[in-house]
Amino acid sequence: MGYDYKTGYSVVSRQAMRMLVDLGDLDQSRWVNQSGVSGHAFHRNYDDQTRLWVDNQMWPFVSTRAAVDARTTTRLELVPGG
């Protein structure tokens, strides 16, 4: 958290994301945003992670190909063309 010592140390900013990275097993890493996946105030996903943040919960943050493939529900493939 950030504060301004000139105004009595009241909090004026905070982190926007929490991330725990397990360097011994990257697929055990976790993360969460303090609000949601959308930055638009009226979007349905604007605050969809706030409850996780408050409850100190996190999403898996997998890295290996096998772990990503195991959790994939849709795929977008970009193919160069002319």
PDB file of N, CA and C in Angstrom:
ATOM      1  N   MET A   1       0.830  -1.177   0.000  1.00  0.00           N
ATOM      2  CA  MET A   1       0.000   0.000   0.000  1.00  0.00           C
ATOM      3  C   MET A   1       0.876   1.243   0.000  1.00  0.00           C
ATOM      4  N   GLY A   2       0.355   2.292  -0.546  1.00  0.00           N
ATOM      5  CA  GLY A   2       1.074   3.545  -0.564  1.00  0.00           C
ATOM      6  C   GLY A   2       0.387   4.572   0.309  1.00  0.00           C
ATOM      7  N   TYR A   3       1.168   5.472   0.832  1.00  0.00           N
ATOM      8  CA  TYR A   3       0.606   6.519   1.685  1.00  0.00           C
ATOM      9  C   TYR A   3       1.369   7.812   1.459  1.00  0.00           C
ATOM     10  N   ASP A   4       0.775   8.901   1.931  1.00  0.00           N
ATOM     11  CA  ASP A   4       1.385  10.207   1.814  1.00  0.00           C
ATOM     12  C   ASP A   4       1.672  10.713   3.230  1.00  0.00           C
ATOM     13  N   TYR A   5       2.937  10.753   3.611  1.00  0.00           N
ATOM     14  CA  TYR A   5       3.303  11.146   4.971  1.00  0.00           C
ATOM     15  C   TYR A   5       2.866  12.580   5.292  1.00  0.00           C
ATOM     16  N   LYS A   6       2.633  13.390   4.269  1.00  0.00           N
ATOM     17  CA  LYS A   6       2.215  14.770   4.482  1.00  0.00           C
ATOM     18  C   LYS A   6       0.762  14.886   4.938  1.00  0.00           C
ATOM     19  N   THR A   7      -0.008  13.814   4.739  1.00  0.00           N
ATOM     20  CA  THR A   7      -1.430  13.869   5.093  1.00  0.00           C
ATOM     21  C   THR A   7      -1.773  12.884   6.207  1.00  0.00           C
ATOM     22  N   GLY A   8      -0.839  12.570   7.071  1.00  0.00           N
ATOM     23  CA  GLY A   8      -1.141  11.721   8.218  1.00  0.00           C
ATOM     24  C   GLY A   8      -1.077  10.234   7.943  1.00  0.00           C
ATOM     25  N   TYR A   9      -0.360   9.839   6.936  1.00  0.00           N
ATOM     26  CA  TYR A   9      -0.161   8.423   6.615  1.00  0.00           C
ATOM     27  C   TYR A   9      -1.443   7.673   6.248  1.00  0.00           C
ATOM     28  N   SER A  10      -2.431   8.373   5.746  1.00  0.00           N
ATOM     29  CA  SER A  10      -3.617   7.666   5.262  1.00  0.00           C
ATOM     30  C   SER A  10      -3.284   7.015   3.914  1.00  0.00           C
ATOM     31  N   VAL A  11      -3.856   5.862   3.681  1.00  0.00           N
ATOM     32  CA  VAL A  11      -3.570   5.115   2.456  1.00  0.00           C
ATOM     33  C   VAL A  11      -4.140   5.863   1.261  1.00  0.00           C
ATOM     34  N   VAL A  12      -3.322   6.058   0.239  1.00  0.00           N
ATOM     35  CA  VAL A  12      -3.762   6.764  -0.960  1.00  0.00           C
ATOM     36  C   VAL A  12      -3.701   5.873  -2.201  1.00  0.00           C
ATOM     37  N   SER A  13      -3.070   4.716  -2.094  1.00  0.00           N
ATOM     38  CA  SER A  13      -3.023   3.784  -3.216  1.00  0.00           C
ATOM     39  C   SER A  13      -2.788   2.376  -2.671  1.00  0.00           C
ATOM     40  N   ARG A  14      -3.021   1.398  -3.521  1.00  0.00           N
ATOM     41  CA  ARG A  14      -2.781   0.010  -3.115  1.00  0.00           C
ATOM     42  C   ARG A  14      -2.413  -0.805  -4.343  1.00  0.00           C
ATOM     43  N   GLN A  15      -1.984  -2.018  -4.103  1.00  0.00           N
ATOM     44  CA  GLN A  15      -1.608  -2.888  -5.206  1.00  0.00           C
ATOM     45  C   GLN A  15      -2.841  -3.265  -6.015  1.00  0.00           C
ATOM     46  N   ALA A  16      -2.640  -3.551  -7.286  1.00  0.00           N
ATOM     47  CA  ALA A  16      -3.749  -3.900  -8.162  1.00  0.00           C
ATOM     48  C   ALA A  16      -3.823  -5.402  -8.407  1.00  0.00           C
ATOM     49  N   MET A  17      -2.786  -6.133  -8.031  1.00  0.00           N
ATOM     50  CA  MET A  17      -2.744  -7.565  -8.296  1.00  0.00           C
ATOM     51  C   MET A  17      -1.902  -8.256  -7.244  1.00  0.00           C
ATOM     52  N   ARG A  18      -2.301  -9.457  -6.867  1.00  0.00           N
ATOM     53  CA  ARG A  18      -1.476 -10.309  -6.013  1.00  0.00           C
ATOM     54  C   ARG A  18      -1.009 -11.481  -6.854  1.00  0.00           C
ATOM     55  N   MET A  19       0.244 -11.841  -6.700  1.00  0.00           N
ATOM     56  CA  MET A  19       0.767 -12.994  -7.425  1.00  0.00           C
ATOM     57  C   MET A  19       1.767 -13.721  -6.544  1.00  0.00           C
ATOM     58  N   LEU A  20       1.585 -15.017  -6.435  1.00  0.00           N
ATOM     59  CA  LEU A  20       2.548 -15.871  -5.747  1.00  0.00           C
ATOM     60  C   LEU A  20       3.156 -16.792  -6.796  1.00  0.00           C
ATOM     61  N   VAL A  21       4.449 -16.714  -6.979  1.00  0.00           N
ATOM     62  CA  VAL A  21       5.123 -17.520  -7.987  1.00  0.00           C
ATOM     63  C   VAL A  21       5.963 -18.573  -7.285  1.00  0.00           C
ATOM     64  N   ASP A  22       5.688 -19.824  -7.604  1.00  0.00           N
ATOM     65  CA  ASP A  22       6.442 -20.951  -7.070  1.00  0.00           C
ATOM     66  C   ASP A  22       7.543 -21.285  -8.074  1.00  0.00           C
ATOM     67  N   LEU A  23       8.761 -20.847  -7.798  1.00  0.00           N
ATOM     68  CA  LEU A  23       9.858 -21.059  -8.743  1.00  0.00           C
ATOM     69  C   LEU A  23      10.272 -22.520  -8.834  1.00  0.00           C
ATOM     70  N   GLY A  24       9.885 -23.329  -7.864  1.00  0.00           N
ATOM     71  CA  GLY A  24      10.177 -24.757  -7.901  1.00  0.00           C
ATOM     72  C   GLY A  24       9.179 -25.531  -8.731  1.00  0.00           C
ATOM     73  N   ASP A  25       7.967 -24.993  -8.907  1.00  0.00           N
ATOM     74  CA  ASP A  25       6.905 -25.634  -9.685  1.00  0.00           C
ATOM     75  C   ASP A  25       5.974 -24.528 -10.170  1.00  0.00           C
ATOM     76  N   LEU A  26       6.271 -23.979 -11.336  1.00  0.00           N
ATOM     77  CA  LEU A  26       5.520 -22.822 -11.837  1.00  0.00           C
ATOM     78  C   LEU A  26       4.027 -23.077 -11.942  1.00  0.00           C
ATOM     79  N   ASP A  27       3.614 -24.323 -12.138  1.00  0.00           N
ATOM     80  CA  ASP A  27       2.192 -24.626 -12.245  1.00  0.00           C
ATOM     81  C   ASP A  27       1.455 -24.510 -10.916  1.00  0.00           C
ATOM     82  N   GLN A  28       2.180 -24.313  -9.823  1.00  0.00           N
ATOM     83  CA  GLN A  28       1.560 -24.091  -8.515  1.00  0.00           C
ATOM     84  C   GLN A  28       1.418 -22.603  -8.197  1.00  0.00           C
ATOM     85  N   SER A  29       1.793 -21.747  -9.126  1.00  0.00           N
ATOM     86  CA  SER A  29       1.688 -20.299  -8.929  1.00  0.00           C
ATOM     87  C   SER A  29       0.222 -19.873  -8.917  1.00  0.00           C
ATOM     88  N   ARG A  30      -0.051 -18.713  -8.282  1.00  0.00           N
ATOM     89  CA  ARG A  30      -1.413 -18.201  -8.130  1.00  0.00           C
ATOM     90  C   ARG A  30      -1.431 -16.689  -8.345  1.00  0.00           C
ATOM     91  N   TRP A  31      -2.600 -16.130  -8.700  1.00  0.00           N
ATOM     92  CA  TRP A  31      -2.739 -14.689  -8.878  1.00  0.00           C
ATOM     93  C   TRP A  31      -4.199 -14.274  -8.728  1.00  0.00           C
ATOM     94  N   VAL A  32      -4.437 -12.999  -8.511  1.00  0.00           N
ATOM     95  CA  VAL A  32      -5.778 -12.413  -8.497  1.00  0.00           C
ATOM     96  C   VAL A  32      -5.659 -10.900  -8.666  1.00  0.00           C
ATOM     97  N   ASN A  33      -6.618 -10.302  -9.376  1.00  0.00           N
ATOM     98  CA  ASN A  33      -6.712  -8.842  -9.479  1.00  0.00           C
ATOM     99  C   ASN A  33      -7.536  -8.324  -8.313  1.00  0.00           C
ATOM    100  N   GLN A  34      -7.369  -7.076  -7.929  1.00  0.00           N
ATOM    101  CA  GLN A  34      -8.168  -6.536  -6.834  1.00  0.00           C
ATOM    102  C   GLN A  34      -9.574  -6.155  -7.283  1.00  0.00           C
ATOM    103  N   SER A  35      -9.799  -6.060  -8.571  1.00  0.00           N
ATOM    104  CA  SER A  35     -11.149  -5.739  -9.044  1.00  0.00           C
ATOM    105  C   SER A  35     -11.643  -6.843  -9.964  1.00  0.00           C
ATOM    106  N   GLY A  36     -11.330  -6.763 -11.223  1.00  0.00           N
ATOM    107  CA  GLY A  36     -11.786  -7.768 -12.169  1.00  0.00           C
ATOM    108  C   GLY A  36     -10.987  -7.720 -13.450  1.00  0.00           C
ATOM    109  N   VAL A  37     -11.459  -8.470 -14.454  1.00  0.00           N
ATOM    110  CA  VAL A  37     -10.722  -8.550 -15.702  1.00  0.00           C
ATOM    111  C   VAL A  37     -11.015  -7.398 -16.647  1.00  0.00           C
ATOM    112  N   SER A  38     -12.054  -6.608 -16.359  1.00  0.00           N
ATOM    113  CA  SER A  38     -12.383  -5.474 -17.215  1.00  0.00           C
ATOM    114  C   SER A  38     -12.086  -4.167 -16.502  1.00  0.00           C
ATOM    115  N   GLY A  39     -11.563  -3.213 -17.217  1.00  0.00           N
ATOM    116  CA  GLY A  39     -11.314  -1.895 -16.650  1.00  0.00           C
ATOM    117  C   GLY A  39     -12.464  -0.925 -16.877  1.00  0.00           C
ATOM    118  N   HIS A  40     -13.545  -1.398 -17.482  1.00  0.00           N
ATOM    119  CA  HIS A  40     -14.692  -0.548 -17.779  1.00  0.00           C
ATOM    120  C   HIS A  40     -15.726  -0.660 -16.659  1.00  0.00           C
ATOM    121  N   ALA A  41     -16.049   0.455 -16.023  1.00  0.00           N
ATOM    122  CA  ALA A  41     -16.877   0.478 -14.817  1.00  0.00           C
ATOM    123  C   ALA A  41     -18.235  -0.191 -14.973  1.00  0.00           C
ATOM    124  N   PHE A  42     -18.837  -0.192 -16.124  1.00  0.00           N
ATOM    125  CA  PHE A  42     -20.172  -0.762 -16.279  1.00  0.00           C
ATOM    126  C   PHE A  42     -20.160  -2.137 -16.938  1.00  0.00           C
ATOM    127  N   HIS A  43     -18.984  -2.706 -17.150  1.00  0.00           N
ATOM    128  CA  HIS A  43     -18.877  -4.047 -17.732  1.00  0.00           C
ATOM    129  C   HIS A  43     -19.152  -5.091 -16.658  1.00  0.00           C
ATOM    130  N   ARG A  44     -19.763  -6.223 -17.010  1.00  0.00           N
ATOM    131  CA  ARG A  44     -20.110  -7.255 -16.021  1.00  0.00           C
ATOM    132  C   ARG A  44     -18.881  -7.857 -15.350  1.00  0.00           C
ATOM    133  N   ASN A  45     -17.711  -7.745 -15.964  1.00  0.00           N
ATOM    134  CA  ASN A  45     -16.493  -8.288 -15.368  1.00  0.00           C
ATOM    135  C   ASN A  45     -15.643  -7.232 -14.669  1.00  0.00           C
ATOM    136  N   TYR A  46     -16.211  -6.058 -14.417  1.00  0.00           N
ATOM    137  CA  TYR A  46     -15.443  -4.988 -13.784  1.00  0.00           C
ATOM    138  C   TYR A  46     -14.960  -5.372 -12.386  1.00  0.00           C
ATOM    139  N   ASP A  47     -15.801  -6.033 -11.610  1.00  0.00           N
ATOM    140  CA  ASP A  47     -15.423  -6.387 -10.234  1.00  0.00           C
ATOM    141  C   ASP A  47     -15.592  -7.883  -9.944  1.00  0.00           C
ATOM    142  N   ASP A  48     -15.420  -8.711 -10.974  1.00  0.00           N
ATOM    143  CA  ASP A  48     -15.682 -10.142 -10.808  1.00  0.00           C
ATOM    144  C   ASP A  48     -14.632 -10.891  -9.984  1.00  0.00           C
ATOM    145  N   GLN A  49     -13.554 -10.232  -9.567  1.00  0.00           N
ATOM    146  CA  GLN A  49     -12.561 -10.890  -8.720  1.00  0.00           C
ATOM    147  C   GLN A  49     -12.465 -10.262  -7.330  1.00  0.00           C
ATOM    148  N   THR A  50     -13.306  -9.283  -7.055  1.00  0.00           N
ATOM    149  CA  THR A  50     -13.251  -8.598  -5.768  1.00  0.00           C
ATOM    150  C   THR A  50     -13.500  -9.541  -4.594  1.00  0.00           C
ATOM    151  N   ARG A  51     -14.472 -10.438  -4.711  1.00  0.00           N
ATOM    152  CA  ARG A  51     -14.769 -11.378  -3.631  1.00  0.00           C
ATOM    153  C   ARG A  51     -13.565 -12.284  -3.371  1.00  0.00           C
ATOM    154  N   LEU A  52     -12.906 -12.746  -4.427  1.00  0.00           N
ATOM    155  CA  LEU A  52     -11.688 -13.556  -4.250  1.00  0.00           C
ATOM    156  C   LEU A  52     -10.633 -12.762  -3.491  1.00  0.00           C
ATOM    157  N   TRP A  53     -10.443 -11.506  -3.883  1.00  0.00           N
ATOM    158  CA  TRP A  53      -9.453 -10.630  -3.246  1.00  0.00           C
ATOM    159  C   TRP A  53      -9.736 -10.494  -1.757  1.00  0.00           C
ATOM    160  N   VAL A  54     -10.981 -10.200  -1.411  1.00  0.00           N
ATOM    161  CA  VAL A  54     -11.378  -9.999  -0.020  1.00  0.00           C
ATOM    162  C   VAL A  54     -11.188 -11.286   0.789  1.00  0.00           C
ATOM    163  N   ASP A  55     -11.508 -12.426   0.190  1.00  0.00           N
ATOM    164  CA  ASP A  55     -11.399 -13.718   0.875  1.00  0.00           C
ATOM    165  C   ASP A  55      -9.993 -14.310   0.807  1.00  0.00           C
ATOM    166  N   ASN A  56      -9.041 -13.551   0.256  1.00  0.00           N
ATOM    167  CA  ASN A  56      -7.653 -13.992   0.120  1.00  0.00           C
ATOM    168  C   ASN A  56      -7.537 -15.290  -0.685  1.00  0.00           C
ATOM    169  N   GLN A  57      -8.309 -15.374  -1.756  1.00  0.00           N
ATOM    170  CA  GLN A  57      -8.275 -16.520  -2.665  1.00  0.00           C
ATOM    171  C   GLN A  57      -7.576 -16.096  -3.952  1.00  0.00           C
ATOM    172  N   MET A  58      -7.091 -17.065  -4.718  1.00  0.00           N
ATOM    173  CA  MET A  58      -6.386 -16.752  -5.958  1.00  0.00           C
ATOM    174  C   MET A  58      -6.715 -17.776  -7.039  1.00  0.00           C
ATOM    175  N   TRP A  59      -6.503 -17.376  -8.286  1.00  0.00           N
ATOM    176  CA  TRP A  59      -6.659 -18.253  -9.435  1.00  0.00           C
ATOM    177  C   TRP A  59      -5.344 -18.986  -9.701  1.00  0.00           C
ATOM    178  N   PRO A  60      -5.400 -20.198 -10.274  1.00  0.00           N
ATOM    179  CA  PRO A  60      -4.171 -20.860 -10.716  1.00  0.00           C
ATOM    180  C   PRO A  60      -3.514 -20.036 -11.831  1.00  0.00           C
ATOM    181  N   PHE A  61      -2.204 -20.014 -11.839  1.00  0.00           N
ATOM    182  CA  PHE A  61      -1.433 -19.310 -12.866  1.00  0.00           C
ATOM    183  C   PHE A  61      -0.436 -20.310 -13.436  1.00  0.00           C
ATOM    184  N   VAL A  62      -0.942 -21.191 -14.307  1.00  0.00           N
ATOM    185  CA  VAL A  62      -0.128 -22.291 -14.830  1.00  0.00           C
ATOM    186  C   VAL A  62       0.748 -21.830 -15.974  1.00  0.00           C
ATOM    187  N   SER A  63       1.829 -22.561 -16.212  1.00  0.00           N
ATOM    188  CA  SER A  63       2.794 -22.151 -17.219  1.00  0.00           C
ATOM    189  C   SER A  63       3.160 -23.237 -18.217  1.00  0.00           C
ATOM    190  N   THR A  64       3.227 -24.470 -17.780  1.00  0.00           N
ATOM    191  CA  THR A  64       3.668 -25.523 -18.694  1.00  0.00           C
ATOM    192  C   THR A  64       2.597 -25.807 -19.741  1.00  0.00           C
ATOM    193  N   ARG A  65       3.016 -26.287 -20.877  1.00  0.00           N
ATOM    194  CA  ARG A  65       2.093 -26.582 -21.981  1.00  0.00           C
ATOM    195  C   ARG A  65       1.016 -27.579 -21.540  1.00  0.00           C
ATOM    196  N   ALA A  66       1.425 -28.617 -20.818  1.00  0.00           N
ATOM    197  CA  ALA A  66       0.469 -29.643 -20.378  1.00  0.00           C
ATOM    198  C   ALA A  66      -0.583 -29.051 -19.440  1.00  0.00           C
ATOM    199  N   ALA A  67      -0.169 -28.214 -18.501  1.00  0.00           N
ATOM    200  CA  ALA A  67      -1.109 -27.618 -17.551  1.00  0.00           C
ATOM    201  C   ALA A  67      -2.049 -26.636 -18.242  1.00  0.00           C
ATOM    202  N   VAL A  68      -1.527 -25.865 -19.186  1.00  0.00           N
ATOM    203  CA  VAL A  68      -2.370 -24.931 -19.941  1.00  0.00           C
ATOM    204  C   VAL A  68      -3.379 -25.712 -20.783  1.00  0.00           C
ATOM    205  N   ASP A  69      -2.926 -26.739 -21.506  1.00  0.00           N
ATOM    206  CA  ASP A  69      -3.830 -27.553 -22.329  1.00  0.00           C
ATOM    207  C   ASP A  69      -4.912 -28.212 -21.483  1.00  0.00           C
ATOM    208  N   ALA A  70      -4.567 -28.658 -20.274  1.00  0.00           N
ATOM    209  CA  ALA A  70      -5.539 -29.324 -19.396  1.00  0.00           C
ATOM    210  C   ALA A  70      -6.639 -28.374 -18.940  1.00  0.00           C
ATOM    211  N   ARG A  71      -6.370 -27.069 -18.904  1.00  0.00           N
ATOM    212  CA  ARG A  71      -7.347 -26.091 -18.427  1.00  0.00           C
ATOM    213  C   ARG A  71      -7.998 -25.291 -19.547  1.00  0.00           C
ATOM    214  N   THR A  72      -7.621 -25.548 -20.779  1.00  0.00           N
ATOM    215  CA  THR A  72      -8.134 -24.788 -21.912  1.00  0.00           C
ATOM    216  C   THR A  72      -9.550 -25.217 -22.261  1.00  0.00           C
ATOM    217  N   THR A  73     -10.442 -24.245 -22.397  1.00  0.00           N
ATOM    218  CA  THR A  73     -11.813 -24.548 -22.804  1.00  0.00           C
ATOM    219  C   THR A  73     -12.094 -24.069 -24.229  1.00  0.00           C
ATOM    220  N   THR A  74     -11.397 -23.034 -24.667  1.00  0.00           N
ATOM    221  CA  THR A  74     -11.523 -22.562 -26.052  1.00  0.00           C
ATOM    222  C   THR A  74     -10.130 -22.200 -26.550  1.00  0.00           C
ATOM    223  N   ARG A  75     -10.016 -22.124 -27.859  1.00  0.00           N
ATOM    224  CA  ARG A  75      -8.706 -21.813 -28.432  1.00  0.00           C
ATOM    225  C   ARG A  75      -8.896 -20.895 -29.631  1.00  0.00           C
ATOM    226  N   LEU A  76      -8.094 -19.863 -29.703  1.00  0.00           N
ATOM    227  CA  LEU A  76      -8.076 -18.950 -30.837  1.00  0.00           C
ATOM    228  C   LEU A  76      -6.718 -19.100 -31.500  1.00  0.00           C
ATOM    229  N   GLU A  77      -6.722 -19.524 -32.741  1.00  0.00           N
ATOM    230  CA  GLU A  77      -5.470 -19.716 -33.469  1.00  0.00           C
ATOM    231  C   GLU A  77      -5.367 -18.657 -34.559  1.00  0.00           C
ATOM    232  N   LEU A  78      -4.294 -17.896 -34.522  1.00  0.00           N
ATOM    233  CA  LEU A  78      -4.044 -16.863 -35.522  1.00  0.00           C
ATOM    234  C   LEU A  78      -3.091 -17.423 -36.576  1.00  0.00           C
ATOM    235  N   VAL A  79      -3.534 -17.423 -37.803  1.00  0.00           N
ATOM    236  CA  VAL A  79      -2.754 -18.002 -38.891  1.00  0.00           C
ATOM    237  C   VAL A  79      -2.416 -16.899 -39.877  1.00  0.00           C
ATOM    238  N   PRO A  80      -1.125 -16.696 -40.150  1.00  0.00           N
ATOM    239  CA  PRO A  80      -0.764 -15.667 -41.119  1.00  0.00           C
ATOM    240  C   PRO A  80      -1.312 -16.011 -42.499  1.00  0.00           C
ATOM    241  N   GLY A  81      -1.762 -15.018 -43.183  1.00  0.00           N
ATOM    242  CA  GLY A  81      -2.311 -15.243 -44.521  1.00  0.00           C
ATOM    243  C   GLY A  81      -2.071 -14.031 -45.407  1.00  0.00           C
ATOM    244  N   GLY A  82      -2.416 -14.174 -46.621  1.00  0.00           N
ATOM    245  CA  GLY A  82      -2.164 -13.069 -47.513  1.00  0.00           C
ATOM    246  C   GLY A  82      -3.237 -12.784 -48.466  1.00  0.00           C
TER     247      GLY A  82
END
